[in-house]
Protein backbone atom coordinates (compact mmCIF):
# COMPACT_ATOMS: atom_id res chain seq x y z
CA MET A 1 0.10 0.34 -0.04
CA SER A 2 1.08 3.30 -1.31
CA ARG A 3 2.18 5.99 1.28
CA ARG A 4 0.46 9.30 0.57
CA ALA A 5 2.99 12.32 0.94
CA GLY A 6 2.61 14.69 4.03
CA VAL A 7 1.27 18.25 4.01
CA GLY A 8 4.41 19.97 3.23
CA GLU A 9 6.45 17.63 1.10
CA LYS A 10 6.52 18.05 -2.41
CA HIS A 11 8.32 16.74 -5.67
CA ASP A 12 10.14 18.11 -8.73
CA VAL A 13 9.04 17.50 -11.87
CA THR A 14 11.75 17.34 -14.98
CA VAL A 15 11.30 17.54 -18.54
CA GLU A 16 13.98 15.76 -20.43
CA LYS A 17 14.42 15.59 -24.07
CA PRO A 18 11.98 13.67 -26.05
CA ASP A 19 13.91 11.25 -28.06
CA LYS A 20 14.01 12.32 -32.24
CA HIS A 21 10.83 10.07 -32.59
CA SER A 22 8.17 12.16 -30.69
CA LEU A 23 7.60 15.35 -29.28
CA SER A 24 5.96 15.08 -26.05
CA PRO A 25 8.71 15.16 -22.95
CA VAL A 26 9.49 12.37 -20.71
CA ILE A 27 8.97 13.08 -17.04
CA LYS A 28 10.09 12.31 -14.14
CA LEU A 29 9.73 12.69 -10.94
CA GLU A 30 12.61 13.57 -7.97
CA LYS A 31 11.57 13.89 -4.19
CA SER A 32 12.06 17.45 -3.30
CA LYS A 33 14.89 18.47 -0.69
CA THR A 34 12.92 21.61 0.49
CA LYS A 35 9.86 21.18 2.10
CA GLY A 36 6.92 24.02 2.10
CA SER A 37 8.13 24.98 -1.00
CA GLU A 38 6.93 24.30 -5.07
CA ARG A 39 9.76 24.42 -7.25
CA PRO A 40 9.23 25.54 -11.06
CA VAL A 41 9.46 23.03 -13.53
CA THR A 42 12.26 24.56 -16.16
CA GLY A 43 12.16 23.96 -19.77
CA SER A 44 14.39 23.93 -22.23
CA ARG A 45 14.20 27.31 -22.84
CA GLY A 46 14.42 28.71 -19.56
CA GLY A 47 10.62 29.33 -19.71
CA THR A 48 8.78 27.86 -16.15
CA GLN A 49 5.48 26.36 -14.78
CA ARG A 50 4.43 25.05 -11.35
CA GLY A 51 4.61 20.85 -11.29
CA PRO A 52 1.75 18.42 -10.39
CA GLN A 53 1.91 17.36 -6.99
CA LEU A 54 2.15 13.76 -7.52
CA THR A 55 2.16 10.70 -4.95
CA PRO A 56 6.05 8.47 -5.11
CA GLY A 57 4.45 5.10 -5.10
CA HIS A 58 0.92 5.86 -6.73
CA THR A 59 0.75 4.11 -10.48
CA ALA A 60 -1.21 6.45 -12.27
CA SER A 61 -3.97 5.84 -14.47
CA PRO A 62 -4.09 6.37 -18.23
CA ARG A 63 -6.03 9.77 -17.80
CA GLU A 64 -3.86 11.22 -14.95
CA ALA A 65 -0.98 9.92 -17.19
CA SER A 66 -1.80 12.18 -20.05
CA SER A 67 -2.51 15.24 -18.10
CA LYS A 68 0.95 15.32 -17.18
CA ARG A 69 2.40 14.48 -19.53
CA GLN A 70 2.99 18.10 -20.62
CA VAL A 71 4.23 19.37 -23.26
CA CYS A 72 5.90 22.74 -23.29
CA PRO A 73 4.90 25.23 -25.96
CA ARG A 74 8.09 26.59 -26.25
CA GLN A 75 9.64 23.46 -26.41
CA LYS A 76 12.45 23.31 -28.84
CA ALA A 77 11.85 21.82 -31.92
CA GLU A 78 14.51 19.61 -33.98
CA PRO A 79 15.83 22.19 -36.85
CA PRO A 80 14.52 21.04 -40.52
CA PRO A 81 15.48 19.06 -43.06
CA LEU A 82 17.98 21.23 -45.61
CA ILE A 83 15.92 22.63 -48.84
CA THR A 84 18.15 21.65 -51.41
CA PHE A 85 17.88 21.96 -55.44
CA ASP A 86 19.58 19.50 -57.73
CA GLN A 87 19.30 21.33 -61.03
CA HIS A 88 21.47 18.07 -62.72
CA LYS A 89 18.92 15.77 -61.63
CA CYS A 90 15.73 17.71 -62.37
CA ARG A 91 17.53 19.50 -66.12
CA GLY A 92 15.14 22.39 -65.83
CA LEU A 93 11.62 20.19 -65.80
CA CYS A 94 11.42 21.03 -61.86
CA GLN A 95 12.05 24.10 -60.22
CA PRO A 96 13.16 25.12 -56.34
CA GLU A 97 10.07 27.30 -56.54
CA ASP A 98 8.10 23.66 -56.33
CA LEU A 99 9.99 22.99 -53.56
CA ILE A 100 9.62 25.89 -51.34
CA GLY A 101 6.08 26.28 -52.39
CA SER A 102 5.33 22.75 -51.67
CA LEU A 103 5.09 24.37 -47.68
CA GLY A 104 2.16 26.45 -48.03
CA SER A 105 1.62 29.52 -47.05
CA PRO A 106 2.57 30.52 -43.36
CA SER A 107 -0.86 31.11 -42.33
CA ARG A 108 -2.46 27.52 -43.54
CA PRO A 109 -0.18 24.98 -41.09
CA GLN A 110 -2.97 22.43 -40.97
CA ALA A 111 -1.31 21.76 -44.47
CA LEU A 112 1.41 19.81 -42.68
CA GLY A 113 -0.92 18.30 -39.94
CA LEU A 114 1.47 20.56 -37.52
CA PRO A 115 0.44 23.23 -34.40
CA ARG A 116 0.81 26.24 -35.25
CA PRO A 117 3.89 27.06 -32.89
CA LEU A 118 5.94 24.03 -34.23
CA TRP A 119 4.47 24.91 -38.17
CA ARG A 120 6.66 28.18 -37.65
CA GLU A 121 9.83 26.98 -35.84
CA ARG A 122 10.14 24.14 -37.96
CA VAL A 123 8.82 25.26 -41.55
CA TRP A 124 8.74 28.77 -41.96
CA ALA A 125 10.99 30.67 -39.49
CA PRO A 126 13.84 28.81 -40.87
CA LEU A 127 12.82 30.26 -44.61
CA VAL A 128 11.97 33.85 -43.98
CA GLY A 129 12.13 34.49 -40.27
CA ILE A 130 9.27 34.86 -37.80
CA GLY A 131 9.51 38.46 -37.93
CA GLY A 132 9.38 38.96 -41.82
CA PRO A 133 11.58 37.68 -44.32
CA ARG A 134 15.16 37.56 -44.31
CA PRO A 135 16.47 39.46 -46.81
CA GLU A 136 19.49 36.90 -46.88
CA LYS A 137 17.00 34.77 -47.55
CA VAL A 138 14.93 36.11 -50.02
CA SER A 139 18.10 36.66 -52.37
CA ALA A 140 19.01 33.01 -51.79
CA TYR A 141 15.59 31.98 -53.18
CA ARG A 142 15.22 34.73 -55.70
CA SER A 143 19.04 33.41 -57.13
CA TYR A 144 17.79 29.94 -56.93
CA LEU A 145 14.79 30.86 -59.28
CA GLY A 146 17.36 32.74 -61.61
CA SER A 147 18.80 29.36 -61.99
CA SER A 148 16.94 27.88 -65.03
CA ALA A 149 16.97 30.89 -66.88
CA GLN A 150 20.39 29.58 -67.61
CA HIS A 151 19.08 26.50 -69.21
CA ALA A 152 20.54 26.23 -73.06
CA GLY A 153 17.03 26.27 -74.34
CA ALA A 154 15.77 29.00 -72.07
CA ARG A 155 18.31 31.29 -73.31
CA GLU A 156 17.48 30.38 -77.01
CA LEU A 157 13.53 30.55 -76.63
CA ALA A 158 13.96 34.01 -74.67
CA ALA A 159 16.11 35.42 -77.65
CA LEU A 160 13.30 34.43 -80.03
CA TYR A 161 10.96 37.48 -78.43
CA SER A 162 11.46 40.20 -80.78
CA PRO A 163 10.61 44.13 -80.77
CA GLY A 164 8.10 43.12 -83.64
CA LYS A 165 6.10 41.43 -80.87
CA ARG A 166 6.66 43.84 -78.54
CA PHE A 167 4.77 46.29 -80.47
CA GLN A 168 2.03 43.84 -81.25
CA GLU A 169 1.59 43.35 -77.64
CA TRP A 170 1.77 47.18 -77.12
CA CYS A 171 -0.96 47.88 -79.32
CA CYS A 172 -3.55 44.81 -78.31
CA VAL A 173 -3.00 46.12 -75.02
CA VAL A 174 -4.13 49.76 -75.38
CA LEU A 175 -7.23 48.46 -77.93
CA CYS A 176 -8.49 46.01 -75.47
CA PHE A 177 -8.56 47.84 -72.38
CA SER A 178 -9.87 50.85 -74.28
CA LEU A 179 -12.78 48.62 -75.30
CA ILE A 180 -13.26 47.19 -71.96
CA ALA A 181 -13.88 50.77 -70.48
CA HIS A 182 -16.35 51.63 -73.21
CA ASN A 183 -18.47 48.38 -72.67
CA VAL A 184 -18.17 48.57 -68.96
CA ALA A 185 -19.58 51.74 -69.18
CA HIS A 186 -22.92 51.21 -71.00
CA LEU A 187 -23.56 48.01 -69.08
CA LEU A 188 -23.41 50.22 -66.04
CA LEU A 189 -25.99 52.33 -67.79
CA LEU A 190 -28.35 49.56 -68.54
CA ALA A 191 -28.01 47.73 -65.34
CA ARG A 192 -31.22 46.88 -63.49
CA TRP A 193 -32.15 45.33 -60.46
CA GLU A 194 -34.56 42.82 -61.64
CA HIS A 195 -31.15 41.23 -63.72
CA THR A 196 -29.11 40.20 -60.68
CA PRO A 197 -29.87 36.47 -60.49
CA LEU A 198 -29.44 36.04 -64.25
CA VAL A 199 -25.71 38.61 -64.20
CA MET A 200 -24.81 36.49 -61.08
CA LEU A 201 -25.29 33.45 -62.43
CA GLY A 202 -23.81 34.69 -66.19
CA MET A 203 -20.56 35.59 -64.13
CA VAL A 204 -20.57 31.81 -62.43
CA ALA A 205 -21.32 30.65 -66.31
CA GLY A 206 -18.50 32.85 -68.09
CA ALA A 207 -15.97 32.20 -65.47
CA LEU A 208 -16.56 28.60 -66.42
CA LEU A 209 -16.31 28.77 -69.31
CA ALA A 210 -13.14 30.66 -69.36
CA ASP A 211 -11.73 27.96 -67.50
CA PHE A 212 -12.34 25.27 -69.52
CA LEU A 213 -11.21 27.15 -73.33
CA SER A 214 -8.07 28.52 -70.98
CA GLY A 215 -6.99 24.76 -70.94
CA LEU A 216 -8.24 23.98 -74.07
CA VAL A 217 -6.08 26.29 -75.16
CA HIS A 218 -3.52 25.57 -72.93
CA TRP A 219 -3.48 21.74 -74.21
CA GLY A 220 -3.03 22.69 -77.52
CA ALA A 221 -0.16 24.87 -77.28
CA ASP A 222 1.44 21.96 -74.96
CA THR A 223 1.11 18.89 -76.67
CA TRP A 224 0.97 20.09 -80.30
CA GLY A 225 3.13 22.40 -82.96
CA SER A 226 6.19 23.30 -82.90
CA VAL A 227 8.62 26.65 -82.43
CA GLU A 228 9.64 26.26 -86.09
CA LEU A 229 5.73 26.59 -87.43
CA PRO A 230 5.96 29.88 -89.42
CA ILE A 231 3.85 32.64 -87.94
CA VAL A 232 2.27 31.45 -84.70
CA GLY A 233 5.36 29.58 -83.72
CA LYS A 234 7.33 31.81 -82.70
CA ALA A 235 4.54 34.37 -81.29
CA PHE A 236 2.26 31.92 -79.96
CA ILE A 237 4.35 28.03 -79.00
CA ARG A 238 7.12 29.85 -78.02
CA PRO A 239 6.51 31.09 -74.75
CA PHE A 240 4.67 28.04 -73.37
CA ARG A 241 8.01 25.99 -74.58
CA GLU A 242 10.13 28.82 -72.44
CA HIS A 243 7.77 28.38 -69.80
CA HIS A 244 7.84 24.17 -69.22
CA ILE A 245 11.95 24.53 -68.99
CA ASP A 246 11.90 28.30 -66.92
CA PRO A 247 9.30 28.18 -64.98
CA THR A 248 9.71 31.60 -63.41
CA ALA A 249 10.37 33.29 -66.68
CA ILE A 250 6.61 34.65 -66.63
CA THR A 251 7.28 36.47 -63.01
CA ARG A 252 9.68 38.16 -64.67
CA HIS A 253 7.59 39.56 -67.75
CA ASP A 254 6.17 42.95 -67.09
CA PHE A 255 2.49 43.66 -67.46
CA ILE A 256 2.55 43.99 -71.55
CA GLU A 257 4.57 40.62 -72.60
CA THR A 258 2.46 38.88 -70.04
CA ASN A 259 -1.26 40.05 -71.25
CA GLY A 260 -0.67 40.81 -75.05
CA ASP A 261 -1.50 37.18 -76.27
CA ASN A 262 -4.22 37.69 -74.07
CA CYS A 263 -5.94 40.85 -75.43
CA LEU A 264 -5.34 39.82 -78.98
CA LEU A 265 -7.82 36.91 -78.36
CA THR A 266 -10.55 38.77 -76.67
CA LEU A 267 -10.62 41.89 -79.54
CA LEU A 268 -13.36 39.82 -81.82
CA PRO A 269 -15.73 39.70 -79.25
CA LEU A 270 -14.69 43.30 -77.47
CA LEU A 271 -15.66 45.21 -80.74
CA ASN A 272 -18.67 42.80 -81.73
CA MET A 273 -20.27 44.16 -78.53
CA ALA A 274 -19.26 47.71 -79.03
CA TYR A 275 -20.66 47.78 -81.94
CA LYS A 276 -23.76 46.26 -80.29
CA PHE A 277 -24.10 49.20 -77.94
CA ARG A 278 -23.71 51.97 -80.64
CA THR A 279 -26.11 50.05 -83.03
CA GLN A 280 -28.95 48.26 -81.22
CA SER A 281 -32.25 50.01 -79.65
CA PRO A 282 -32.02 50.24 -75.46
CA GLU A 283 -35.00 48.15 -75.60
CA VAL A 284 -33.27 45.15 -77.59
CA LEU A 285 -29.81 45.77 -75.17
CA GLU A 286 -32.30 45.21 -71.75
CA GLN A 287 -33.26 41.92 -72.87
CA LEU A 288 -29.88 41.04 -74.10
CA TYR A 289 -28.44 42.42 -70.74
CA PRO A 290 -27.90 39.17 -69.10
CA TRP A 291 -26.21 37.47 -72.31
CA GLU A 292 -24.23 40.27 -72.73
CA CYS A 293 -22.80 40.05 -68.56
CA PHE A 294 -22.12 36.39 -69.37
CA VAL A 295 -20.15 37.65 -72.75
CA PHE A 296 -18.23 40.18 -70.99
CA CYS A 297 -17.48 38.51 -67.67
CA LEU A 298 -15.78 35.38 -69.98
CA ILE A 299 -13.52 38.11 -71.82
CA ILE A 300 -12.66 39.27 -68.64
CA PHE A 301 -11.41 36.02 -67.27
CA GLY A 302 -9.95 35.32 -70.71
CA THR A 303 -7.93 38.82 -70.99
CA PHE A 304 -6.71 38.27 -67.57
CA THR A 305 -5.77 34.23 -67.44
CA ASN A 306 -2.31 35.09 -67.92
CA GLN A 307 -1.79 37.88 -65.26
CA ILE A 308 -3.29 34.88 -63.22
CA HIS A 309 -1.25 32.42 -64.30
CA LYS A 310 1.72 34.77 -63.05
CA TRP A 311 0.46 35.07 -60.15
CA SER A 312 0.57 31.86 -59.54
CA HIS A 313 4.23 31.69 -59.85
CA THR A 314 4.87 34.42 -57.45
CA TYR A 315 5.55 33.36 -54.30
CA PHE A 316 6.56 37.20 -52.73
CA GLY A 317 5.31 40.54 -52.84
CA LEU A 318 2.08 39.04 -53.83
CA PRO A 319 -1.40 42.23 -52.72
CA ARG A 320 -3.18 40.38 -50.11
CA TRP A 321 -6.15 40.72 -52.23
CA VAL A 322 -4.47 38.47 -54.66
CA VAL A 323 -3.72 35.62 -51.59
CA PHE A 324 -7.14 36.05 -50.40
CA LEU A 325 -8.58 34.91 -54.12
CA GLN A 326 -5.81 31.90 -54.36
CA ASP A 327 -6.86 31.15 -51.02
CA TRP A 328 -10.55 30.88 -50.93
CA HIS A 329 -9.90 29.59 -55.45
CA VAL A 330 -11.82 32.27 -56.92
CA ILE A 331 -8.48 32.58 -58.94
CA LEU A 332 -5.91 29.82 -59.63
CA PRO A 333 -4.16 29.01 -56.45
CA ARG A 334 0.05 28.46 -56.20
CA LYS A 335 -0.04 25.26 -54.58
CA HIS A 336 -2.61 24.12 -57.62
CA HIS A 337 -1.29 24.84 -60.46
CA ARG A 338 2.28 22.66 -59.65
CA ILE A 339 0.86 19.87 -60.56
CA HIS A 340 0.86 20.87 -64.29
CA HIS A 341 4.51 21.19 -63.57
CA VAL A 342 5.44 18.02 -63.02
CA SER A 343 6.83 16.34 -65.88
CA PRO A 344 5.92 15.44 -68.20
CA HIS A 345 3.08 18.43 -68.25
CA GLU A 346 0.36 15.98 -69.23
CA THR A 347 -2.44 17.23 -66.12
CA TYR A 348 -4.51 20.19 -65.26
CA PHE A 349 -3.99 22.94 -67.98
CA CYS A 350 -6.96 25.34 -66.91
CA ILE A 351 -5.26 28.32 -65.55
CA THR A 352 -8.09 30.82 -64.79
CA THR A 353 -9.96 29.41 -61.86
CA GLY A 354 -8.82 26.27 -62.14
CA TRP A 355 -11.99 24.86 -61.23
CA LEU A 356 -12.31 22.61 -63.75
CA ASN A 357 -8.91 20.42 -63.83
CA TYR A 358 -10.16 17.70 -61.07
CA PRO A 359 -12.98 16.94 -63.27
CA LEU A 360 -11.51 16.71 -66.54
CA GLU A 361 -8.43 14.53 -64.30
CA ARG A 362 -11.12 11.88 -63.49
CA MET A 363 -12.54 12.17 -66.73
CA GLY A 364 -9.34 11.36 -68.40
CA PHE A 365 -10.46 14.21 -70.73
CA TRP A 366 -7.22 15.60 -72.06
CA ARG A 367 -5.87 11.49 -72.40
CA ARG A 368 -8.53 11.18 -74.74
CA LEU A 369 -8.16 13.61 -77.04
CA GLU A 370 -4.40 12.97 -77.07
CA ASP A 371 -4.90 9.25 -78.15
CA ILE A 372 -7.61 10.42 -80.80
CA ILE A 373 -5.26 12.73 -82.83
CA GLN A 374 -2.67 10.83 -82.40
CA ALA A 375 -4.87 8.04 -83.87
CA LEU A 376 -5.64 10.34 -86.58
CA THR A 377 -2.34 11.66 -87.10
CA GLY A 378 0.63 10.04 -85.65
CA GLU A 379 1.92 12.76 -84.40
CA LYS A 380 3.09 12.23 -80.26
CA PRO A 381 2.27 14.69 -77.89
CA ARG A 382 4.73 16.96 -76.42
CA ALA A 383 7.14 15.68 -78.57
CA ASP A 384 8.52 19.35 -79.39
CA ASP A 385 8.65 20.27 -75.89
CA MET A 386 10.71 17.27 -74.44
CA LYS A 387 12.93 18.26 -77.34
CA TRP A 388 13.49 21.77 -75.96
CA ALA A 389 14.05 20.52 -72.69
CA GLN A 390 16.88 18.29 -73.03
CA LYS A 391 18.89 21.17 -74.43
CA ILE A 392 20.55 21.65 -71.21
CA LYS A 393 24.41 22.28 -72.73
């Protein structure tokens, strides 16, 4: 029969360092030499807390043991593993942003199943520091991002960007945004409260259709064609080849280079809408208003698809509202798009919202389409893409 401790008799609880497979400390009991006073428990960083009063010789129940097995919230965690990037093995097909980006956002520790203090200490703090990004870490990260630009294929493809192409992009961007401003003004003048349900439905439908069309164009340019094709090769297929070799190149493009081609594709529907506003009567326009809102939403998402794509590759300096839209999957999230950049880049082609990527993948939509075209033409999917990726010297 165990003897209960006296009134003034205390016992010390010391917290030892846990083994490498456990996050919980080992608790040992020692009889205090000083009676009538409690000695604090000292953690690994000097933090103090009151130890539980335990009876020597008493066998604790599982419930009592779990309550006594306390984890100090400031316990020193093991250093995180070193994040490395072997460029020779990756051969330009994977990027350091995929390694660092796989850690997720510091506001989302649940992605790794870690409690928030351990998340900060084990994952995010070693990378950027708890108080904010450390300049030396950020500069090292950005130097890694530039490593894929040294790829021979990436340099050759970047050199194909001509002054004539730049002029075409400038013209398309200026004309596109002028037409957008003109059409927005007319849509606001025709707005009525009774149109609200159909307008909301049209916005969602426009976003879905824009996502599918972005995937269709992306799949076609990634999978088929060649940079050597006349007109479309250097103008439209070249950026897709460069992007797979150097995914971070898009983050170094300015607004004109990023959005010029998309603005060209949306010029015709914008001109058609502007023509209707100038020639149709107000009664006809009021009947067509929900349809025009659907078309305009489709145009807006299509125009900014490549800008959204650029944000999905940017891990520093994004505006908070962009991060908010990515976290809520209103636009293409960064973690979601990384699935596409696993070689051989054969899935998750939709880059506007990404809403359709999973259902299309479950259906095997892109694979079935590739099989049909390969059976009809004999062309091998992504042959030109792999040719450029192998230019490593």
